Amino acid sequence: MALPVPTPPLGVHLGTKGGLAGAVREADRIGATALQVFTSSPQIWRDPDAAIAFQEARVAWGGHPVVVHDSYLINLAASTEELREKSYVAFVDELDRCATYGVGLVNSHMGAHVGQGEPEGIRLVGLALRRLL
């Protein structure tokens, strides 16, 4: 007897103009079983009721996976200390927001070596991740 093959999630990246809960409701409306969103809009994340509305919408949607896409500005392998530090702070802030909302998946483009060479880029990203941990 063959084992059933699980259906992989089928998702969409939606805007959050109507709030994060609105994005979840829209994913449900269109039949998506996964969702990706950006969290950088301050009107979404600074409202204390937004976390409650998000959790309620997600439960009503069936608890499907939500992935947060971090900011494209983050570059943990940047060539200057100033930009690496700004990137690190933004990355930590993103992870903190994810924890607040109970989102455990983050899509990140952690860095580009911008001409320093791949080994140096990997080294710099590794240093940032060690610091984070």
N, C-alpha and C. Protein backbone atom coordinates (compact mmCIF):
# COMPACT_ATOMS: atom_id res chain seq x y z
N MET A 1 0.85 -1.17 0.00
CA MET A 1 0.00 0.00 0.00
C MET A 1 0.90 1.24 0.00
N ALA A 2 0.61 2.18 -0.89
CA ALA A 2 1.38 3.41 -1.00
C ALA A 2 0.94 4.41 0.07
N LEU A 3 1.91 5.12 0.59
CA LEU A 3 1.60 6.17 1.56
C LEU A 3 1.08 7.39 0.83
N PRO A 4 0.14 8.11 1.44
CA PRO A 4 -0.36 9.33 0.78
C PRO A 4 0.74 10.38 0.69
N VAL A 5 0.74 11.09 -0.41
CA VAL A 5 1.72 12.16 -0.62
C VAL A 5 1.10 13.46 -0.13
N PRO A 6 1.74 14.12 0.82
CA PRO A 6 1.17 15.38 1.32
C PRO A 6 1.19 16.46 0.23
N THR A 7 0.18 17.26 0.23
CA THR A 7 0.10 18.37 -0.71
C THR A 7 0.95 19.52 -0.17
N PRO A 8 1.93 19.99 -0.95
CA PRO A 8 2.75 21.10 -0.46
C PRO A 8 1.93 22.39 -0.40
N PRO A 9 2.29 23.28 0.50
CA PRO A 9 1.59 24.57 0.57
C PRO A 9 1.74 25.34 -0.74
N LEU A 10 0.71 26.02 -1.14
CA LEU A 10 0.73 26.88 -2.30
C LEU A 10 0.41 28.29 -1.82
N GLY A 11 1.38 29.18 -1.97
CA GLY A 11 1.20 30.49 -1.37
C GLY A 11 1.38 31.64 -2.31
N VAL A 12 1.31 32.81 -1.70
CA VAL A 12 1.37 34.07 -2.43
C VAL A 12 2.02 35.11 -1.53
N HIS A 13 2.67 36.08 -2.16
CA HIS A 13 3.22 37.22 -1.42
C HIS A 13 2.21 38.35 -1.57
N LEU A 14 1.63 38.77 -0.46
CA LEU A 14 0.59 39.81 -0.49
C LEU A 14 1.06 41.06 0.22
N GLY A 15 0.51 42.17 -0.23
CA GLY A 15 0.73 43.44 0.45
C GLY A 15 -0.07 43.49 1.74
N THR A 16 0.29 44.43 2.59
CA THR A 16 -0.36 44.53 3.89
C THR A 16 -1.05 45.88 4.07
N LYS A 17 -1.51 46.46 2.98
CA LYS A 17 -2.17 47.76 3.07
C LYS A 17 -3.36 47.71 4.03
N GLY A 18 -4.09 46.62 4.05
CA GLY A 18 -5.22 46.46 4.95
C GLY A 18 -4.82 45.85 6.28
N GLY A 19 -3.55 45.88 6.61
CA GLY A 19 -3.05 45.27 7.84
C GLY A 19 -2.67 43.83 7.59
N LEU A 20 -1.90 43.29 8.48
CA LEU A 20 -1.44 41.91 8.33
C LEU A 20 -2.60 40.93 8.37
N ALA A 21 -3.57 41.19 9.24
CA ALA A 21 -4.75 40.31 9.28
C ALA A 21 -5.49 40.35 7.96
N GLY A 22 -5.52 41.50 7.31
CA GLY A 22 -6.15 41.61 6.00
C GLY A 22 -5.46 40.76 4.95
N ALA A 23 -4.13 40.69 5.02
CA ALA A 23 -3.38 39.84 4.09
C ALA A 23 -3.72 38.37 4.32
N VAL A 24 -3.87 37.97 5.57
CA VAL A 24 -4.25 36.59 5.88
C VAL A 24 -5.64 36.29 5.34
N ARG A 25 -6.58 37.22 5.54
CA ARG A 25 -7.94 37.01 5.03
C ARG A 25 -7.95 36.93 3.51
N GLU A 26 -7.12 37.73 2.85
CA GLU A 26 -7.05 37.68 1.39
C GLU A 26 -6.45 36.35 0.92
N ALA A 27 -5.43 35.86 1.62
CA ALA A 27 -4.86 34.55 1.28
C ALA A 27 -5.94 33.47 1.40
N ASP A 28 -6.74 33.54 2.42
CA ASP A 28 -7.83 32.59 2.61
C ASP A 28 -8.85 32.71 1.48
N ARG A 29 -9.19 33.94 1.13
CA ARG A 29 -10.20 34.18 0.09
C ARG A 29 -9.78 33.58 -1.25
N ILE A 30 -8.50 33.66 -1.58
CA ILE A 30 -8.05 33.17 -2.88
C ILE A 30 -7.63 31.70 -2.85
N GLY A 31 -7.72 31.07 -1.68
CA GLY A 31 -7.42 29.65 -1.58
C GLY A 31 -5.95 29.31 -1.36
N ALA A 32 -5.14 30.29 -0.99
CA ALA A 32 -3.72 30.03 -0.72
C ALA A 32 -3.59 29.23 0.57
N THR A 33 -2.56 28.41 0.63
CA THR A 33 -2.28 27.65 1.85
C THR A 33 -0.93 28.03 2.44
N ALA A 34 -0.39 29.16 2.01
CA ALA A 34 0.83 29.74 2.58
C ALA A 34 0.82 31.22 2.22
N LEU A 35 1.55 32.02 2.98
CA LEU A 35 1.55 33.46 2.77
C LEU A 35 2.92 34.02 3.08
N GLN A 36 3.35 34.98 2.26
CA GLN A 36 4.59 35.73 2.55
C GLN A 36 4.24 37.21 2.57
N VAL A 37 4.80 37.93 3.55
CA VAL A 37 4.53 39.36 3.70
C VAL A 37 5.81 40.09 4.10
N PHE A 38 5.83 41.38 3.84
CA PHE A 38 6.85 42.27 4.41
C PHE A 38 6.28 42.81 5.71
N THR A 39 7.15 43.13 6.66
CA THR A 39 6.68 43.66 7.95
C THR A 39 7.16 45.08 8.22
N SER A 40 7.77 45.71 7.25
CA SER A 40 8.43 46.98 7.54
C SER A 40 7.49 48.17 7.64
N SER A 41 6.23 48.02 7.35
CA SER A 41 5.30 49.14 7.43
C SER A 41 4.95 49.42 8.88
N PRO A 42 5.31 50.59 9.40
CA PRO A 42 5.09 50.85 10.82
C PRO A 42 3.64 50.85 11.25
N GLN A 43 2.71 51.21 10.37
CA GLN A 43 1.31 51.22 10.77
C GLN A 43 0.77 49.81 11.01
N ILE A 44 1.45 48.79 10.52
CA ILE A 44 1.02 47.42 10.72
C ILE A 44 1.50 46.91 12.07
N TRP A 45 2.76 47.12 12.39
CA TRP A 45 3.38 46.43 13.51
C TRP A 45 3.34 47.20 14.82
N ARG A 46 3.04 48.47 14.81
CA ARG A 46 3.09 49.24 16.05
C ARG A 46 1.74 49.31 16.75
N ASP A 47 0.68 48.86 16.08
CA ASP A 47 -0.65 48.83 16.67
C ASP A 47 -0.77 47.60 17.56
N PRO A 48 -1.01 47.76 18.88
CA PRO A 48 -1.06 46.61 19.77
C PRO A 48 -2.16 45.61 19.41
N ASP A 49 -3.24 46.07 18.79
CA ASP A 49 -4.32 45.17 18.41
C ASP A 49 -3.99 44.37 17.15
N ALA A 50 -2.94 44.77 16.42
CA ALA A 50 -2.60 44.08 15.17
C ALA A 50 -2.18 42.64 15.42
N ALA A 51 -1.46 42.38 16.49
CA ALA A 51 -1.02 41.01 16.78
C ALA A 51 -2.22 40.11 17.07
N ILE A 52 -3.16 40.63 17.81
CA ILE A 52 -4.37 39.85 18.12
C ILE A 52 -5.16 39.59 16.85
N ALA A 53 -5.37 40.62 16.04
CA ALA A 53 -6.12 40.46 14.79
C ALA A 53 -5.42 39.48 13.86
N PHE A 54 -4.09 39.55 13.80
CA PHE A 54 -3.33 38.63 12.96
C PHE A 54 -3.52 37.19 13.42
N GLN A 55 -3.36 36.95 14.72
CA GLN A 55 -3.49 35.60 15.26
C GLN A 55 -4.91 35.05 15.03
N GLU A 56 -5.92 35.88 15.23
CA GLU A 56 -7.30 35.44 15.01
C GLU A 56 -7.53 35.10 13.53
N ALA A 57 -7.03 35.94 12.64
CA ALA A 57 -7.20 35.69 11.20
C ALA A 57 -6.45 34.43 10.79
N ARG A 58 -5.28 34.23 11.36
CA ARG A 58 -4.49 33.05 11.01
C ARG A 58 -5.17 31.76 11.49
N VAL A 59 -5.75 31.78 12.68
CA VAL A 59 -6.48 30.61 13.18
C VAL A 59 -7.67 30.33 12.28
N ALA A 60 -8.42 31.38 11.91
CA ALA A 60 -9.58 31.20 11.03
C ALA A 60 -9.17 30.66 9.66
N TRP A 61 -7.97 30.98 9.23
CA TRP A 61 -7.43 30.53 7.94
C TRP A 61 -6.92 29.10 8.02
N GLY A 62 -6.84 28.55 9.18
CA GLY A 62 -6.38 27.17 9.33
C GLY A 62 -4.96 27.04 9.81
N GLY A 63 -4.35 28.14 10.22
CA GLY A 63 -2.98 28.09 10.75
C GLY A 63 -1.93 27.78 9.70
N HIS A 64 -2.22 28.08 8.45
CA HIS A 64 -1.26 27.82 7.37
C HIS A 64 0.03 28.61 7.58
N PRO A 65 1.12 28.18 6.92
CA PRO A 65 2.40 28.85 7.12
C PRO A 65 2.40 30.31 6.65
N VAL A 66 3.04 31.13 7.44
CA VAL A 66 3.29 32.52 7.08
C VAL A 66 4.79 32.72 7.08
N VAL A 67 5.30 33.32 6.01
CA VAL A 67 6.72 33.62 5.88
C VAL A 67 6.87 35.14 5.82
N VAL A 68 7.76 35.67 6.60
CA VAL A 68 8.07 37.10 6.54
C VAL A 68 9.28 37.28 5.64
N HIS A 69 9.21 38.25 4.76
CA HIS A 69 10.36 38.59 3.92
C HIS A 69 10.99 39.83 4.53
N ASP A 70 12.26 39.72 4.91
CA ASP A 70 12.89 40.89 5.53
C ASP A 70 13.22 41.94 4.46
N SER A 71 13.69 43.07 4.92
CA SER A 71 13.98 44.20 4.05
C SER A 71 15.11 43.90 3.07
N TYR A 72 14.93 44.33 1.84
CA TYR A 72 15.98 44.20 0.84
C TYR A 72 17.20 45.06 1.18
N LEU A 73 17.05 46.00 2.09
CA LEU A 73 18.17 46.88 2.46
C LEU A 73 19.19 46.19 3.35
N ILE A 74 18.81 45.11 4.00
CA ILE A 74 19.72 44.42 4.91
C ILE A 74 20.87 43.81 4.12
N ASN A 75 22.10 44.13 4.55
CA ASN A 75 23.30 43.54 3.95
C ASN A 75 24.33 43.32 5.05
N LEU A 76 24.30 42.13 5.61
CA LEU A 76 25.23 41.79 6.70
C LEU A 76 26.66 41.62 6.22
N ALA A 77 26.86 41.66 4.89
CA ALA A 77 28.21 41.55 4.31
C ALA A 77 28.65 42.86 3.69
N ALA A 78 28.01 43.95 4.05
CA ALA A 78 28.33 45.26 3.47
C ALA A 78 29.81 45.60 3.67
N SER A 79 30.31 46.46 2.80
CA SER A 79 31.74 46.79 2.85
C SER A 79 32.09 47.82 3.92
N THR A 80 31.08 48.48 4.53
CA THR A 80 31.38 49.44 5.59
C THR A 80 30.76 48.96 6.91
N GLU A 81 31.45 49.26 7.99
CA GLU A 81 30.96 48.90 9.32
C GLU A 81 29.62 49.56 9.61
N GLU A 82 29.46 50.81 9.17
CA GLU A 82 28.22 51.55 9.42
C GLU A 82 27.02 50.82 8.79
N LEU A 83 27.14 50.43 7.54
CA LEU A 83 26.04 49.75 6.87
C LEU A 83 25.82 48.34 7.44
N ARG A 84 26.88 47.65 7.81
CA ARG A 84 26.71 46.34 8.45
C ARG A 84 25.96 46.47 9.77
N GLU A 85 26.27 47.50 10.55
CA GLU A 85 25.59 47.70 11.84
C GLU A 85 24.12 48.05 11.62
N LYS A 86 23.82 48.95 10.68
CA LYS A 86 22.42 49.27 10.37
C LYS A 86 21.67 48.02 9.94
N SER A 87 22.32 47.21 9.13
CA SER A 87 21.72 45.97 8.65
C SER A 87 21.46 45.00 9.79
N TYR A 88 22.42 44.89 10.69
CA TYR A 88 22.27 44.00 11.84
C TYR A 88 21.08 44.43 12.70
N VAL A 89 21.00 45.71 13.00
CA VAL A 89 19.91 46.24 13.82
C VAL A 89 18.57 45.98 13.12
N ALA A 90 18.50 46.19 11.82
CA ALA A 90 17.26 45.95 11.07
C ALA A 90 16.89 44.47 11.08
N PHE A 91 17.88 43.59 10.96
CA PHE A 91 17.63 42.15 10.97
C PHE A 91 17.10 41.71 12.34
N VAL A 92 17.71 42.18 13.41
CA VAL A 92 17.26 41.84 14.76
C VAL A 92 15.85 42.37 14.98
N ASP A 93 15.57 43.59 14.52
CA ASP A 93 14.23 44.17 14.65
C ASP A 93 13.21 43.30 13.92
N GLU A 94 13.57 42.83 12.74
CA GLU A 94 12.67 41.97 11.97
C GLU A 94 12.38 40.68 12.74
N LEU A 95 13.41 40.06 13.27
CA LEU A 95 13.22 38.82 14.02
C LEU A 95 12.39 39.05 15.28
N ASP A 96 12.55 40.19 15.92
CA ASP A 96 11.74 40.52 17.09
C ASP A 96 10.26 40.66 16.71
N ARG A 97 9.98 41.32 15.59
CA ARG A 97 8.59 41.44 15.13
C ARG A 97 8.01 40.06 14.83
N CYS A 98 8.79 39.21 14.20
CA CYS A 98 8.33 37.85 13.90
C CYS A 98 7.98 37.11 15.19
N ALA A 99 8.81 37.24 16.19
CA ALA A 99 8.54 36.58 17.48
C ALA A 99 7.26 37.11 18.10
N THR A 100 7.04 38.41 18.04
CA THR A 100 5.84 39.01 18.60
C THR A 100 4.58 38.44 17.95
N TYR A 101 4.65 38.20 16.65
CA TYR A 101 3.49 37.73 15.91
C TYR A 101 3.45 36.22 15.75
N GLY A 102 4.43 35.53 16.28
CA GLY A 102 4.43 34.08 16.20
C GLY A 102 4.75 33.53 14.83
N VAL A 103 5.50 34.29 14.04
CA VAL A 103 5.90 33.84 12.71
C VAL A 103 7.31 33.27 12.83
N GLY A 104 7.46 32.00 12.49
CA GLY A 104 8.74 31.34 12.65
C GLY A 104 9.54 31.16 11.38
N LEU A 105 9.06 31.72 10.27
CA LEU A 105 9.76 31.58 8.99
C LEU A 105 10.11 32.95 8.44
N VAL A 106 11.39 33.14 8.11
CA VAL A 106 11.85 34.41 7.56
C VAL A 106 12.64 34.13 6.28
N ASN A 107 12.26 34.80 5.21
CA ASN A 107 13.00 34.75 3.95
C ASN A 107 13.96 35.93 3.97
N SER A 108 15.24 35.64 3.92
CA SER A 108 16.23 36.70 4.03
C SER A 108 17.29 36.59 2.95
N HIS A 109 17.64 37.71 2.39
CA HIS A 109 18.81 37.82 1.51
C HIS A 109 19.84 38.53 2.38
N MET A 110 20.61 37.78 3.13
CA MET A 110 21.42 38.32 4.22
C MET A 110 22.55 39.24 3.80
N GLY A 111 23.01 39.11 2.58
CA GLY A 111 24.09 40.00 2.21
C GLY A 111 24.72 39.68 0.87
N ALA A 112 25.33 40.70 0.34
CA ALA A 112 26.10 40.59 -0.90
C ALA A 112 27.49 41.12 -0.61
N HIS A 113 28.50 40.46 -1.13
CA HIS A 113 29.87 40.86 -0.81
C HIS A 113 30.30 42.16 -1.47
N VAL A 114 29.52 42.66 -2.40
CA VAL A 114 29.75 43.95 -3.10
C VAL A 114 31.22 44.19 -3.46
N GLY A 115 31.80 43.18 -4.09
CA GLY A 115 33.16 43.34 -4.59
C GLY A 115 34.27 42.92 -3.65
N GLN A 116 33.93 42.57 -2.42
CA GLN A 116 34.96 42.15 -1.46
C GLN A 116 35.39 40.71 -1.67
N GLY A 117 34.61 39.98 -2.43
CA GLY A 117 34.87 38.56 -2.66
C GLY A 117 33.95 37.70 -1.82
N GLU A 118 33.57 36.57 -2.38
CA GLU A 118 32.64 35.67 -1.71
C GLU A 118 33.14 35.19 -0.34
N PRO A 119 34.41 34.79 -0.19
CA PRO A 119 34.87 34.35 1.14
C PRO A 119 34.71 35.43 2.21
N GLU A 120 34.98 36.68 1.85
CA GLU A 120 34.84 37.77 2.83
C GLU A 120 33.37 38.01 3.14
N GLY A 121 32.52 37.96 2.14
CA GLY A 121 31.09 38.12 2.37
C GLY A 121 30.55 37.05 3.31
N ILE A 122 30.95 35.81 3.07
CA ILE A 122 30.52 34.70 3.93
C ILE A 122 31.04 34.91 5.36
N ARG A 123 32.28 35.36 5.49
CA ARG A 123 32.86 35.60 6.81
C ARG A 123 32.07 36.67 7.56
N LEU A 124 31.74 37.76 6.88
CA LEU A 124 31.01 38.86 7.53
C LEU A 124 29.59 38.44 7.94
N VAL A 125 28.91 37.71 7.08
CA VAL A 125 27.57 37.22 7.44
C VAL A 125 27.69 36.27 8.63
N GLY A 126 28.69 35.41 8.61
CA GLY A 126 28.89 34.48 9.73
C GLY A 126 29.13 35.21 11.05
N LEU A 127 29.92 36.28 11.01
CA LEU A 127 30.16 37.07 12.23
C LEU A 127 28.85 37.65 12.76
N ALA A 128 28.04 38.18 11.86
CA ALA A 128 26.75 38.77 12.28
C ALA A 128 25.84 37.71 12.88
N LEU A 129 25.80 36.54 12.27
CA LEU A 129 24.94 35.48 12.78
C LEU A 129 25.43 34.96 14.13
N ARG A 130 26.74 34.86 14.30
CA ARG A 130 27.28 34.45 15.62
C ARG A 130 26.89 35.49 16.67
N ARG A 131 26.99 36.75 16.31
CA ARG A 131 26.60 37.82 17.24
C ARG A 131 25.12 37.71 17.59
N LEU A 132 24.31 37.44 16.62
CA LEU A 132 22.87 37.30 16.84
C LEU A 132 22.57 36.15 17.78
N LEU A 133 23.24 35.03 17.56
CA LEU A 133 22.98 33.86 18.41
C LEU A 133 23.55 34.05 19.81
